[in-house]
Amino acid sequence: MPRDASRQRALLACGIVGATLLALIALGHDGRRIAQLAVLAMPMVLWLAWPLRSLRMRRARAVLVWLWVMGFALDGVVRAYLLDTYQAAPDGAMVLGAAANTNARESSEYLWMHWRSAVVWTGMLAIAGVIAGVFVRRGATADPVARPVRARLPFWARSLVLVLLLIACVAYASKPWRRLHPAVFWADWTQSVHTQRAAWGQQQEVRDRAMARAKEIAPVFSQAGPSTVVLVITDSINRDNMALYGYGRPTTPRLLAHKAQAGDQMAVLQNAWSVDASTLPALRNMFHFGAPQNESTANPPHLLALARAAGYKVWWISNHDDLAIEQQHARYADVVDMVNRTPGRASASLDGEILDCVQEAFADTSTDRKLIVVHLMGAHPHYSLRFPANANPFDDDVDAVENGLVKDGRSAWVRRFRQEYDAALLYHDFVVSELLQQTRTTGKPDEYRAWMYLSDHGQEVGHGSNRAGHSPATASGYRIPAVVWRNHGPLPTGAAAQQPFRADWAGWSLMDLLKIQWSGQMPERNVLGDSYRWEAPRIPVAVESFSR
């Protein structure tokens, strides 16, 4: 091949490979990081412009450059997917926590639900791989005739290459730049995930300190006689999909029946919000009274530790098999029953499996004071796993909800997920109502009983955008149900029930239901009390009003 043609082909290969790589880097990064990643990726791309005589070396170069390019490309695509889906970086707390708290089964179920997005981004990666594969083989070739290699490139080109390589050397010498390299970043990321898992597995010392602090606080039970309180925490329930909150499909007929029967003993908090769009931070806030983890007190009390210190026997009955939740919260209980034996929140274990265990807790005669915490799978994706087979009455039902989704331009797959989500809520209504029924009817006639139900966070199912799943970037990710019942004492009704409610303040209301008094009480955060004062939380999404 003539020298000029070979040179032009090599420069074209550098240009196309570099442009492809830069496009994928730009998808996952912004601002100066695009330039930083481009500089880090540059040396191997420039290698294509350097003439090589040996066919074996040219083949090795093509393979090495392709692998190099695909490493940067994969980094950009993964980051772009996380930004598009969750508005999150891979080293953000939400992503690290989710990765540390998952397993192969849950990951496969997640991909099953989100396979369309995965196909799109994987397709982009595949296209980039094909383009790079074609052009990395077109690197500069030296003539077999013995000539100085430098003759193959003009002086200006050699000078430019050397300057660019010098810039790359400076970048690699800089730790802040070097740690952005995909090989370094993802190695550190993997270590961070392992570290977080290890920390969750070593929580006994943390629990011992929390129990000691709870005893120092010395909470007291303020009411004589037996007491049973049930806390039902569910996962991924958006109140906008509940007929109890005015939704157009009959997703909660049993809860509606309870509300009609219970009257003012049952309060449906109409404007309940989570301040977190994922499970782990939501539960941490709930059980630590919304206190920031890095606040000056550094060690906010744990609600279950306080309940035990006040004399309650605590049960934790869960349909999750979840290491982080078990270590951070469940192990504070006297009795821990993890009903689900399949690891991961993507398990197909139905929530109804916990009902017998809860009944056994009610039947326990070893104590007069019981706090029973029930942790349900709720409507955690994949939605079709959250209800029995052939139990979807909304499947292909062309109703007002379906027509509204079509009018809003929602895709067929989002409409199908909405049908499955609503079917999951219908089954969820059965389980939650059974728990409420057990609480209302079990126990001695004069026994004080109370029940609280809320979700950790919401779920986007075509409400604010054309997607389904966890959503930190739309209000649907934070809109949750919250319901309270008790057999003694008034509950908020009318305008009081319309007040906004924060799930991270749920602990203050639960302490009211438990009839526990302690020195750290903040009555202005107890939605069940007359001193309640709403304070809008800071969430990463614009909300016109928390009163709707």
Protein backbone atom coordinates (compact mmCIF):
# COMPACT_ATOMS: atom_id res chain seq x y z
CA MET A 1 0.00 0.00 0.00
CA PRO A 2 1.40 3.48 -0.82
CA ARG A 3 2.75 5.38 2.14
CA ASP A 4 0.21 8.22 1.93
CA ALA A 5 -2.73 5.82 1.67
CA SER A 6 -1.52 3.83 4.68
CA ARG A 7 -1.04 7.02 6.68
CA GLN A 8 -4.49 8.31 5.78
CA ARG A 9 -6.07 4.99 6.65
CA ALA A 10 -4.33 4.99 10.05
CA LEU A 11 -5.36 8.56 10.82
CA LEU A 12 -8.94 7.73 9.79
CA ALA A 13 -8.86 4.72 12.13
CA CYS A 14 -7.63 6.92 15.00
CA GLY A 15 -10.30 9.49 14.27
CA ILE A 16 -13.24 7.09 14.07
CA VAL A 17 -12.19 4.95 17.04
CA GLY A 18 -11.50 8.09 19.08
CA ALA A 19 -14.81 9.72 18.10
CA THR A 20 -16.78 6.56 18.96
CA LEU A 21 -15.08 6.32 22.31
CA LEU A 22 -15.60 10.02 23.03
CA ALA A 23 -19.33 9.73 22.27
CA LEU A 24 -19.78 6.92 24.78
CA ILE A 25 -17.67 8.70 27.38
CA ALA A 26 -19.85 11.80 26.94
CA LEU A 27 -22.98 9.71 27.58
CA GLY A 28 -21.84 8.73 31.05
CA HIS A 29 -19.88 11.79 32.15
CA ASP A 30 -20.27 15.53 32.01
CA GLY A 31 -18.16 18.66 32.20
CA ARG A 32 -14.43 18.31 32.59
CA ARG A 33 -14.67 14.60 33.30
CA ILE A 34 -15.31 14.01 29.62
CA ALA A 35 -11.95 15.62 28.85
CA GLN A 36 -10.26 13.73 31.68
CA LEU A 37 -11.53 10.35 30.47
CA ALA A 38 -10.64 11.24 26.89
CA VAL A 39 -7.05 12.01 27.92
CA LEU A 40 -6.82 8.74 29.88
CA ALA A 41 -8.12 6.79 26.89
CA MET A 42 -5.90 8.55 24.35
CA PRO A 43 -2.59 6.59 24.49
CA MET A 44 -3.93 3.33 23.07
CA VAL A 45 -5.94 5.13 20.39
CA LEU A 46 -2.80 7.01 19.30
CA TRP A 47 -0.98 3.72 19.03
CA LEU A 48 -3.00 3.07 15.88
CA ALA A 49 -1.09 5.91 14.16
CA TRP A 50 2.30 4.36 14.85
CA PRO A 51 3.52 2.10 12.03
CA LEU A 52 4.24 -1.54 12.82
CA ARG A 53 5.96 -4.00 10.47
CA SER A 54 5.16 -7.31 12.15
CA LEU A 55 1.79 -8.84 11.29
CA ARG A 56 1.72 -10.51 14.70
CA MET A 57 2.29 -7.18 16.44
CA ARG A 58 -0.41 -5.51 14.38
CA ARG A 59 -2.88 -8.23 15.36
CA ALA A 60 -1.90 -7.95 19.01
CA ARG A 61 -2.30 -4.18 18.81
CA ALA A 62 -5.77 -4.52 17.30
CA VAL A 63 -6.88 -6.83 20.13
CA LEU A 64 -5.37 -4.70 22.88
CA VAL A 65 -6.76 -1.44 21.50
CA TRP A 66 -10.21 -3.00 21.07
CA LEU A 67 -10.24 -4.26 24.66
CA TRP A 68 -9.07 -0.85 25.86
CA VAL A 69 -11.78 0.96 23.92
CA MET A 70 -14.49 -1.43 25.11
CA GLY A 71 -13.45 -0.96 28.73
CA PHE A 72 -14.01 2.80 28.46
CA ALA A 73 -17.15 2.25 26.39
CA LEU A 74 -18.67 -0.16 28.94
CA ASP A 75 -17.92 2.33 31.71
CA GLY A 76 -19.71 5.08 29.77
CA VAL A 77 -22.74 2.92 28.95
CA VAL A 78 -23.20 1.71 32.54
CA ARG A 79 -22.96 5.25 33.85
CA ALA A 80 -25.35 6.50 31.17
CA TYR A 81 -27.88 3.79 32.06
CA LEU A 82 -27.74 4.72 35.76
CA LEU A 83 -28.09 8.41 34.96
CA ASP A 84 -31.01 7.79 32.63
CA THR A 85 -32.84 5.39 34.92
CA TYR A 86 -32.02 6.62 38.43
CA GLN A 87 -30.20 9.94 37.98
CA ALA A 88 -27.46 8.34 40.04
CA ALA A 89 -23.72 7.75 39.75
CA PRO A 90 -22.35 4.22 40.27
CA ASP A 91 -20.48 5.34 43.38
CA GLY A 92 -23.53 7.05 44.88
CA ALA A 93 -24.96 5.70 48.13
CA MET A 94 -28.12 4.43 46.46
CA VAL A 95 -26.29 2.36 43.83
CA LEU A 96 -23.61 1.09 46.22
CA GLY A 97 -26.25 0.08 48.73
CA ALA A 98 -28.34 -1.70 46.10
CA ALA A 99 -25.31 -3.52 44.68
CA ALA A 100 -24.16 -4.62 48.13
CA ASN A 101 -27.68 -5.77 48.90
CA THR A 102 -28.33 -7.91 45.84
CA ASN A 103 -27.41 -11.29 44.42
CA ALA A 104 -27.47 -13.17 41.11
CA ARG A 105 -31.15 -14.11 41.36
CA GLU A 106 -32.32 -10.61 42.14
CA SER A 107 -30.11 -9.19 39.38
CA SER A 108 -31.59 -11.58 36.83
CA GLU A 109 -35.13 -10.67 37.90
CA TYR A 110 -34.24 -6.99 37.66
CA LEU A 111 -32.95 -7.47 34.11
CA TRP A 112 -36.11 -9.40 33.29
CA MET A 113 -38.18 -6.36 34.13
CA HIS A 114 -35.84 -3.77 32.59
CA TRP A 115 -34.70 -5.78 29.59
CA ARG A 116 -35.84 -3.13 27.11
CA SER A 117 -33.53 -0.48 28.52
CA ALA A 118 -30.79 -3.08 28.84
CA VAL A 119 -31.22 -4.04 25.18
CA VAL A 120 -31.00 -0.41 24.05
CA TRP A 121 -27.81 0.31 25.98
CA THR A 122 -26.31 -3.08 25.15
CA GLY A 123 -27.10 -2.40 21.50
CA MET A 124 -25.21 0.87 21.65
CA LEU A 125 -22.26 -0.92 23.23
CA ALA A 126 -22.40 -3.62 20.55
CA ILE A 127 -22.44 -1.03 17.76
CA ALA A 128 -19.43 0.68 19.30
CA GLY A 129 -17.69 -2.69 19.54
CA VAL A 130 -18.31 -3.42 15.86
CA ILE A 131 -17.08 0.02 14.77
CA ALA A 132 -13.98 -0.29 16.93
CA GLY A 133 -13.40 -3.85 15.75
CA VAL A 134 -13.43 -2.77 12.10
CA PHE A 135 -11.09 0.20 12.48
CA VAL A 136 -8.55 -1.03 15.04
CA ARG A 137 -7.32 -3.39 12.32
CA ARG A 138 -6.53 -0.41 10.10
CA GLY A 139 -3.67 0.91 12.19
CA ALA A 140 -0.52 2.22 10.55
CA THR A 141 1.57 -0.37 8.72
CA ALA A 142 5.30 -0.02 8.07
CA ASP A 143 6.79 -1.23 4.81
CA PRO A 144 8.76 -4.44 5.18
CA VAL A 145 11.72 -2.60 3.63
CA ALA A 146 14.10 -1.52 6.36
CA ARG A 147 13.46 2.15 6.83
CA PRO A 148 13.35 4.24 9.97
CA VAL A 149 9.91 4.03 11.46
CA ARG A 150 9.82 7.76 12.02
CA ALA A 151 9.76 8.30 8.25
CA ARG A 152 6.26 6.98 8.13
CA LEU A 153 4.85 10.04 9.98
CA PRO A 154 5.56 13.68 9.20
CA PHE A 155 7.29 15.80 11.81
CA TRP A 156 4.15 17.69 12.81
CA ALA A 157 2.25 14.43 13.37
CA ARG A 158 5.03 12.92 15.47
CA SER A 159 5.23 16.12 17.52
CA LEU A 160 1.47 16.14 18.11
CA VAL A 161 1.51 12.51 19.19
CA LEU A 162 4.36 13.13 21.61
CA VAL A 163 2.62 16.19 23.11
CA LEU A 164 -0.60 14.23 23.57
CA LEU A 165 1.28 11.34 25.16
CA LEU A 166 3.00 13.76 27.51
CA ILE A 167 -0.40 15.13 28.57
CA ALA A 168 -1.60 11.55 29.14
CA CYS A 169 1.47 10.81 31.29
CA VAL A 170 0.71 13.83 33.44
CA ALA A 171 -2.91 12.65 33.77
CA TYR A 172 -1.84 9.18 34.88
CA ALA A 173 0.54 10.72 37.41
CA SER A 174 -2.40 12.61 38.96
CA LYS A 175 -4.36 10.48 41.44
CA PRO A 176 -7.68 12.38 40.98
CA TRP A 177 -7.45 11.73 37.24
CA ARG A 178 -6.07 8.21 37.49
CA ARG A 179 -8.88 7.00 39.75
CA LEU A 180 -11.38 7.83 36.98
CA HIS A 181 -9.85 5.18 34.73
CA PRO A 182 -12.44 2.38 34.37
CA ALA A 183 -10.01 -0.31 35.54
CA VAL A 184 -9.17 1.66 38.70
CA PHE A 185 -12.66 3.04 39.33
CA TRP A 186 -14.49 -0.28 39.05
CA ALA A 187 -11.87 -2.10 41.11
CA ASP A 188 -12.36 0.50 43.86
CA TRP A 189 -16.14 0.28 43.39
CA THR A 190 -16.09 -3.50 43.85
CA GLN A 191 -14.04 -3.09 47.01
CA SER A 192 -16.54 -0.52 48.31
CA VAL A 193 -19.37 -3.00 47.75
CA HIS A 194 -17.47 -5.75 49.60
CA THR A 195 -16.65 -3.34 52.42
CA GLN A 196 -20.30 -2.39 52.80
CA ARG A 197 -21.37 -6.02 52.88
CA ALA A 198 -18.73 -6.78 55.50
CA ALA A 199 -19.89 -3.85 57.60
CA TRP A 200 -23.45 -5.13 57.50
CA GLY A 201 -22.22 -8.52 58.64
CA GLN A 202 -20.50 -7.00 61.69
CA GLN A 203 -23.42 -5.13 63.21
CA GLN A 204 -23.58 -6.91 66.56
CA GLU A 205 -21.33 -4.33 68.22
CA VAL A 206 -23.49 -1.53 66.81
CA ARG A 207 -26.63 -3.22 68.16
CA ASP A 208 -25.06 -3.73 71.57
CA ARG A 209 -24.24 -0.01 71.79
CA ALA A 210 -27.76 0.92 70.69
CA MET A 211 -29.32 -1.34 73.32
CA ALA A 212 -27.05 0.12 76.00
CA ARG A 213 -28.00 3.63 74.96
CA ALA A 214 -31.71 2.76 74.97
CA LYS A 215 -31.39 1.52 78.57
CA GLU A 216 -29.63 4.77 79.52
CA ILE A 217 -32.50 6.77 78.02
CA ALA A 218 -34.86 4.68 80.17
CA PRO A 219 -38.13 4.92 78.19
CA VAL A 220 -41.24 4.03 80.16
CA PHE A 221 -44.59 2.52 79.29
CA SER A 222 -47.21 5.12 80.18
CA GLN A 223 -50.34 2.97 80.20
CA ALA A 224 -51.29 0.06 82.42
CA GLY A 225 -52.50 -3.24 81.05
CA PRO A 226 -51.62 -5.45 78.08
CA SER A 227 -50.63 -3.84 74.79
CA THR A 228 -50.15 -5.17 71.24
CA VAL A 229 -48.87 -2.93 68.44
CA VAL A 230 -48.33 -4.08 64.86
CA LEU A 231 -46.12 -2.18 62.42
CA VAL A 232 -46.55 -3.23 58.79
CA ILE A 233 -43.82 -1.98 56.46
CA THR A 234 -44.28 -2.72 52.80
CA ASP A 235 -42.11 -2.15 49.75
CA SER A 236 -42.62 -0.05 46.60
CA ILE A 237 -46.29 0.87 47.09
CA ASN A 238 -47.54 4.07 45.46
CA ARG A 239 -50.72 5.36 47.08
CA ASP A 240 -51.84 6.70 43.68
CA ASN A 241 -52.63 3.09 42.73
CA MET A 242 -54.82 2.39 45.76
CA ALA A 243 -58.61 2.70 45.60
CA LEU A 244 -58.34 3.66 49.28
CA TYR A 245 -56.81 6.90 47.98
CA GLY A 246 -59.25 7.36 45.10
CA TYR A 247 -57.63 5.31 42.34
CA GLY A 248 -59.90 4.26 39.48
CA ARG A 249 -59.30 0.51 39.72
CA PRO A 250 -60.62 -1.56 42.66
CA THR A 251 -57.18 -2.42 44.05
CA THR A 252 -58.02 -2.16 47.78
CA PRO A 253 -61.58 -3.38 48.39
CA ARG A 254 -60.74 -4.99 51.74
CA LEU A 255 -59.04 -1.92 53.19
CA LEU A 256 -62.01 0.16 52.07
CA ALA A 257 -64.28 -2.26 53.92
CA HIS A 258 -62.15 -1.94 57.06
CA LYS A 259 -62.33 1.83 56.81
CA ALA A 260 -66.13 1.71 56.59
CA GLN A 261 -66.31 -0.60 59.61
CA ALA A 262 -63.69 1.07 61.81
CA GLY A 263 -64.90 4.65 61.44
CA ASP A 264 -62.80 7.11 63.45
CA GLN A 265 -60.65 4.27 64.85
CA MET A 266 -58.89 4.16 61.47
CA ALA A 267 -57.05 7.10 59.89
CA VAL A 268 -55.94 7.13 56.26
CA LEU A 269 -53.23 9.77 56.02
CA GLN A 270 -54.02 11.25 52.65
CA ASN A 271 -50.72 13.00 51.93
CA ALA A 272 -47.99 10.60 53.03
CA TRP A 273 -44.48 10.90 51.62
CA SER A 274 -41.22 9.04 51.87
CA VAL A 275 -38.05 11.12 51.81
CA ASP A 276 -36.08 8.29 50.18
CA ALA A 277 -36.66 6.45 46.93
CA SER A 278 -34.92 3.23 47.98
CA THR A 279 -35.34 0.77 50.82
CA LEU A 280 -32.17 0.94 52.92
CA PRO A 281 -32.10 4.70 53.60
CA ALA A 282 -35.89 4.73 54.04
CA LEU A 283 -35.77 2.08 56.78
CA ARG A 284 -32.79 3.70 58.44
CA ASN A 285 -34.64 7.02 58.63
CA MET A 286 -37.79 5.33 59.86
CA PHE A 287 -36.16 3.48 62.76
CA HIS A 288 -33.77 6.30 63.68
CA PHE A 289 -36.49 8.99 63.82
CA GLY A 290 -35.24 10.78 60.71
CA ALA A 291 -31.97 11.79 62.38
CA PRO A 292 -29.13 12.28 59.86
CA GLN A 293 -26.44 9.65 60.09
CA ASN A 294 -23.71 12.29 60.34
CA GLU A 295 -25.41 14.58 62.85
CA SER A 296 -23.52 15.81 65.89
CA THR A 297 -25.18 13.25 68.15
CA ALA A 298 -23.68 10.64 65.78
CA ASN A 299 -25.67 7.81 67.33
CA PRO A 300 -29.44 8.35 67.13
CA PRO A 301 -31.40 5.73 69.09
CA HIS A 302 -33.01 2.79 67.35
CA LEU A 303 -36.76 2.54 67.82
CA LEU A 304 -36.76 -1.21 68.42
CA ALA A 305 -34.06 -0.86 71.08
CA LEU A 306 -36.20 1.76 72.83
CA ALA A 307 -39.27 -0.48 72.63
CA ARG A 308 -37.40 -3.37 74.21
CA ALA A 309 -35.97 -1.10 76.91
CA ALA A 310 -39.52 0.00 77.73
CA GLY A 311 -40.62 -3.60 78.26
CA TYR A 312 -41.95 -4.71 74.87
CA LYS A 313 -41.20 -8.10 73.40
CA VAL A 314 -40.39 -7.45 69.75
CA TRP A 315 -40.99 -9.70 66.74
CA TRP A 316 -39.57 -9.12 63.26
CA ILE A 317 -41.46 -11.20 60.70
CA SER A 318 -40.27 -10.69 57.14
CA ASN A 319 -40.86 -11.90 53.62
CA HIS A 320 -37.43 -10.52 52.70
CA ASP A 321 -34.23 -12.52 52.93
CA ASP A 322 -32.03 -9.45 53.12
CA LEU A 323 -28.66 -9.26 54.87
CA ALA A 324 -28.54 -5.48 55.28
CA ILE A 325 -32.06 -5.15 56.69
CA GLU A 326 -31.61 -8.18 58.91
CA GLN A 327 -28.38 -6.87 60.42
CA GLN A 328 -29.35 -3.19 60.68
CA HIS A 329 -32.89 -3.65 62.02
CA ALA A 330 -34.34 -7.16 62.34
CA ARG A 331 -31.74 -8.42 64.82
CA TYR A 332 -32.88 -5.87 67.40
CA ALA A 333 -35.98 -8.01 67.85
CA ASP A 334 -36.38 -10.77 70.41
CA VAL A 335 -37.86 -13.07 67.76
CA VAL A 336 -36.67 -12.93 64.14
CA ASP A 337 -38.60 -14.94 61.56
CA MET A 338 -37.33 -14.52 57.99
CA VAL A 339 -40.07 -16.45 56.20
CA ASN A 340 -38.54 -16.09 52.76
CA ARG A 341 -35.68 -18.56 52.33
CA THR A 342 -34.74 -17.39 48.84
CA PRO A 343 -32.08 -14.66 48.88
CA GLY A 344 -32.89 -11.29 47.36
CA ARG A 345 -35.91 -9.06 47.15
CA ALA A 346 -36.70 -10.47 43.71
CA SER A 347 -37.87 -13.72 45.28
CA ALA A 348 -41.22 -15.11 44.18
CA SER A 349 -42.27 -15.80 47.80
CA LEU A 350 -45.75 -14.34 48.30
CA ASP A 351 -46.46 -12.09 51.27
CA GLY A 352 -49.30 -14.29 52.45
CA GLU A 353 -46.68 -16.74 53.75
CA ILE A 354 -46.17 -14.53 56.81
CA LEU A 355 -49.78 -14.65 58.08
CA ASP A 356 -49.41 -17.85 60.12
CA CYS A 357 -46.22 -16.52 61.74
CA VAL A 358 -47.99 -13.32 62.77
CA GLN A 359 -50.84 -15.34 64.24
CA GLU A 360 -48.31 -17.29 66.30
CA ALA A 361 -46.91 -14.02 67.62
CA PHE A 362 -50.41 -12.93 68.64
CA ALA A 363 -50.90 -16.26 70.41
CA ASP A 364 -47.68 -15.94 72.44
CA THR A 365 -48.48 -15.83 76.18
CA SER A 366 -45.01 -15.04 77.52
CA THR A 367 -45.61 -11.28 77.64
CA ASP A 368 -48.38 -8.69 77.90
CA ARG A 369 -46.58 -6.17 75.68
CA LYS A 370 -45.92 -7.03 72.06
CA LEU A 371 -44.51 -5.09 69.14
CA ILE A 372 -44.86 -7.10 65.95
CA VAL A 373 -42.99 -5.70 62.95
CA VAL A 374 -44.06 -7.21 59.63
CA HIS A 375 -41.91 -6.51 56.58
CA LEU A 376 -43.65 -7.29 53.30
CA MET A 377 -42.36 -7.55 49.75
CA GLY A 378 -45.29 -5.41 48.62
CA ALA A 379 -44.93 -4.55 44.96
CA HIS A 380 -41.17 -4.69 44.66
CA PRO A 381 -40.29 -5.38 41.03
CA HIS A 382 -40.83 -7.71 39.26
CA TYR A 383 -44.56 -7.03 39.75
CA SER A 384 -45.77 -10.32 38.27
CA LEU A 385 -44.06 -12.15 41.14
CA ARG A 386 -46.13 -10.32 43.75
CA PHE A 387 -49.47 -12.05 43.17
CA PRO A 388 -50.55 -15.65 42.52
CA ALA A 389 -50.58 -17.03 39.01
CA ASN A 390 -53.69 -16.24 36.99
CA ALA A 391 -54.79 -13.62 39.53
CA ASN A 392 -54.65 -10.48 37.42
CA PRO A 393 -58.18 -9.15 36.85
CA PHE A 394 -56.76 -6.04 35.13
CA ASP A 395 -54.98 -7.94 32.39
CA ASP A 396 -55.96 -6.44 29.03
CA ASP A 397 -58.88 -4.64 30.67
CA VAL A 398 -59.65 -1.52 28.63
CA ASP A 399 -60.95 0.76 31.38
CA ALA A 400 -60.64 4.44 32.25
CA VAL A 401 -57.14 3.91 33.66
CA GLU A 402 -55.99 2.19 30.46
CA ASN A 403 -57.52 4.92 28.32
CA GLY A 404 -55.84 7.57 30.45
CA LEU A 405 -52.46 5.93 29.99
CA VAL A 406 -52.99 5.80 26.23
CA LYS A 407 -53.99 9.46 26.22
CA ASP A 408 -50.80 10.32 28.14
CA GLY A 409 -48.73 8.53 25.52
CA ARG A 410 -47.63 5.63 27.71
CA SER A 411 -46.12 2.72 25.82
CA ALA A 412 -47.66 -0.73 25.68
CA TRP A 413 -45.05 -2.20 27.99
CA VAL A 414 -45.63 0.51 30.64
CA ARG A 415 -49.38 -0.13 30.42
CA ARG A 416 -48.75 -3.84 30.91
CA PHE A 417 -46.57 -3.13 33.96
CA ARG A 418 -49.38 -0.94 35.34
CA GLN A 419 -51.78 -3.88 35.02
CA GLU A 420 -49.36 -6.19 36.83
CA TYR A 421 -48.64 -3.54 39.47
CA ASP A 422 -52.36 -3.08 40.16
CA ALA A 423 -52.81 -6.86 40.41
CA ALA A 424 -49.96 -6.92 42.93
CA LEU A 425 -51.74 -4.22 44.95
CA LEU A 426 -54.97 -6.22 44.90
CA TYR A 427 -53.17 -9.22 46.42
CA HIS A 428 -51.32 -6.86 48.76
CA ASP A 429 -54.70 -5.52 49.92
CA PHE A 430 -55.65 -9.06 50.94
CA VAL A 431 -52.48 -9.55 53.02
CA VAL A 432 -52.55 -6.13 54.68
CA SER A 433 -56.25 -6.46 55.46
CA GLU A 434 -55.69 -9.87 57.03
CA LEU A 435 -53.02 -8.34 59.26
CA LEU A 436 -55.41 -5.58 60.27
CA GLN A 437 -58.18 -8.11 60.89
CA GLN A 438 -55.88 -10.17 63.12
CA THR A 439 -55.00 -7.05 65.09
CA ARG A 440 -58.62 -5.96 65.47
CA THR A 441 -59.97 -9.32 66.60
CA THR A 442 -57.13 -11.00 68.51
CA GLY A 443 -56.49 -10.46 72.19
CA LYS A 444 -58.40 -9.77 75.38
CA PRO A 445 -61.44 -7.44 75.29
CA ASP A 446 -59.75 -4.80 77.43
CA GLU A 447 -56.37 -5.05 75.66
CA TYR A 448 -54.96 -1.97 73.98
CA ARG A 449 -54.20 -2.67 70.32
CA ALA A 450 -52.81 -0.48 67.55
CA TRP A 451 -51.73 -1.00 63.94
CA MET A 452 -49.68 1.15 61.57
CA TYR A 453 -49.08 0.53 57.88
CA LEU A 454 -46.81 2.40 55.46
CA SER A 455 -44.48 1.84 52.52
CA ASP A 456 -40.75 2.47 52.44
CA HIS A 457 -41.01 4.35 49.12
CA GLY A 458 -43.17 4.62 46.03
CA GLN A 459 -42.85 3.41 42.48
CA GLU A 460 -43.17 4.99 39.06
CA VAL A 461 -45.66 3.12 36.89
CA GLY A 462 -46.44 5.57 34.12
CA HIS A 463 -47.66 8.37 36.41
CA GLY A 464 -45.03 11.01 35.75
CA SER A 465 -43.00 9.45 32.96
CA ASN A 466 -43.08 6.62 30.44
CA ARG A 467 -41.29 4.08 32.62
CA ALA A 468 -41.86 1.63 35.45
CA GLY A 469 -39.71 0.95 38.49
CA HIS A 470 -37.84 2.75 41.25
CA SER A 471 -37.80 6.47 40.56
CA PRO A 472 -35.77 9.00 42.55
CA ALA A 473 -36.46 11.59 39.84
CA THR A 474 -40.28 11.71 39.90
CA ALA A 475 -42.75 12.38 42.69
CA SER A 476 -44.13 8.84 42.27
CA GLY A 477 -40.95 7.51 43.87
CA TYR A 478 -41.94 9.23 47.13
CA ARG A 479 -45.76 9.01 47.24
CA ILE A 480 -46.69 6.31 49.76
CA PRO A 481 -49.70 5.10 51.75
CA ALA A 482 -49.88 5.48 55.53
CA VAL A 483 -52.77 4.09 57.59
CA VAL A 484 -53.25 3.92 61.37
CA TRP A 485 -55.78 2.01 63.47
CA ARG A 486 -56.17 1.73 67.23
CA ASN A 487 -58.99 0.64 69.48
CA HIS A 488 -58.55 3.38 72.12
CA GLY A 489 -58.08 7.10 71.65
CA PRO A 490 -58.93 9.48 68.81
CA LEU A 491 -57.11 9.51 65.48
CA PRO A 492 -56.75 12.33 62.95
CA THR A 493 -59.91 12.81 60.92
CA GLY A 494 -61.14 15.37 58.43
CA ALA A 495 -58.64 18.20 57.94
CA ALA A 496 -56.21 16.60 60.37
CA ALA A 497 -55.95 13.48 58.18
CA GLN A 498 -55.18 15.74 55.20
CA GLN A 499 -51.98 17.03 56.79
CA PRO A 500 -48.79 15.94 55.02
CA PHE A 501 -46.91 13.11 56.70
CA ARG A 502 -43.25 12.12 56.42
CA ALA A 503 -42.20 8.48 56.68
CA ASP A 504 -38.90 9.44 58.28
CA TRP A 505 -40.96 10.85 61.16
CA ALA A 506 -43.01 7.67 61.49
CA GLY A 507 -41.03 6.66 64.58
CA TRP A 508 -42.46 9.56 66.58
CA SER A 509 -46.01 8.44 65.78
CA LEU A 510 -45.20 4.83 66.48
CA MET A 511 -43.88 5.75 69.93
CA ASP A 512 -47.27 7.39 70.54
CA LEU A 513 -49.00 4.16 69.50
CA LEU A 514 -46.66 2.21 71.79
CA LYS A 515 -47.54 4.55 74.69
CA ILE A 516 -43.85 5.07 75.39
CA GLN A 517 -42.54 8.22 77.01
CA TRP A 518 -38.88 9.19 76.92
CA SER A 519 -36.65 12.23 77.21
CA GLY A 520 -36.12 12.60 73.48
CA GLN A 521 -39.75 13.06 72.50
CA MET A 522 -40.55 15.64 69.81
CA PRO A 523 -44.36 16.03 69.82
CA GLU A 524 -44.22 18.42 66.86
CA ARG A 525 -43.21 15.44 64.68
CA ASN A 526 -45.98 13.11 65.84
CA VAL A 527 -48.75 13.25 63.23
CA LEU A 528 -51.19 11.71 65.73
CA GLY A 529 -50.79 14.52 68.27
CA ASP A 530 -52.25 18.01 68.57
CA SER A 531 -48.77 19.60 68.53
CA TYR A 532 -47.85 18.23 65.10
CA ARG A 533 -46.13 20.76 62.84
CA TRP A 534 -45.39 19.89 59.23
CA GLU A 535 -41.96 20.63 57.83
CA ALA A 536 -41.34 19.94 54.14
CA PRO A 537 -38.48 17.48 53.52
CA ARG A 538 -35.75 18.00 50.99
CA ILE A 539 -36.14 15.45 48.22
CA PRO A 540 -34.34 15.49 44.85
CA VAL A 541 -37.48 16.21 42.84
CA ALA A 542 -39.73 19.23 42.51
CA VAL A 543 -43.12 18.79 44.21
CA GLU A 544 -45.78 21.44 43.70
CA SER A 545 -47.42 20.66 47.00
CA PHE A 546 -47.02 17.98 49.66
CA SER A 547 -50.74 18.35 50.35
CA ARG A 548 -51.92 16.36 47.39
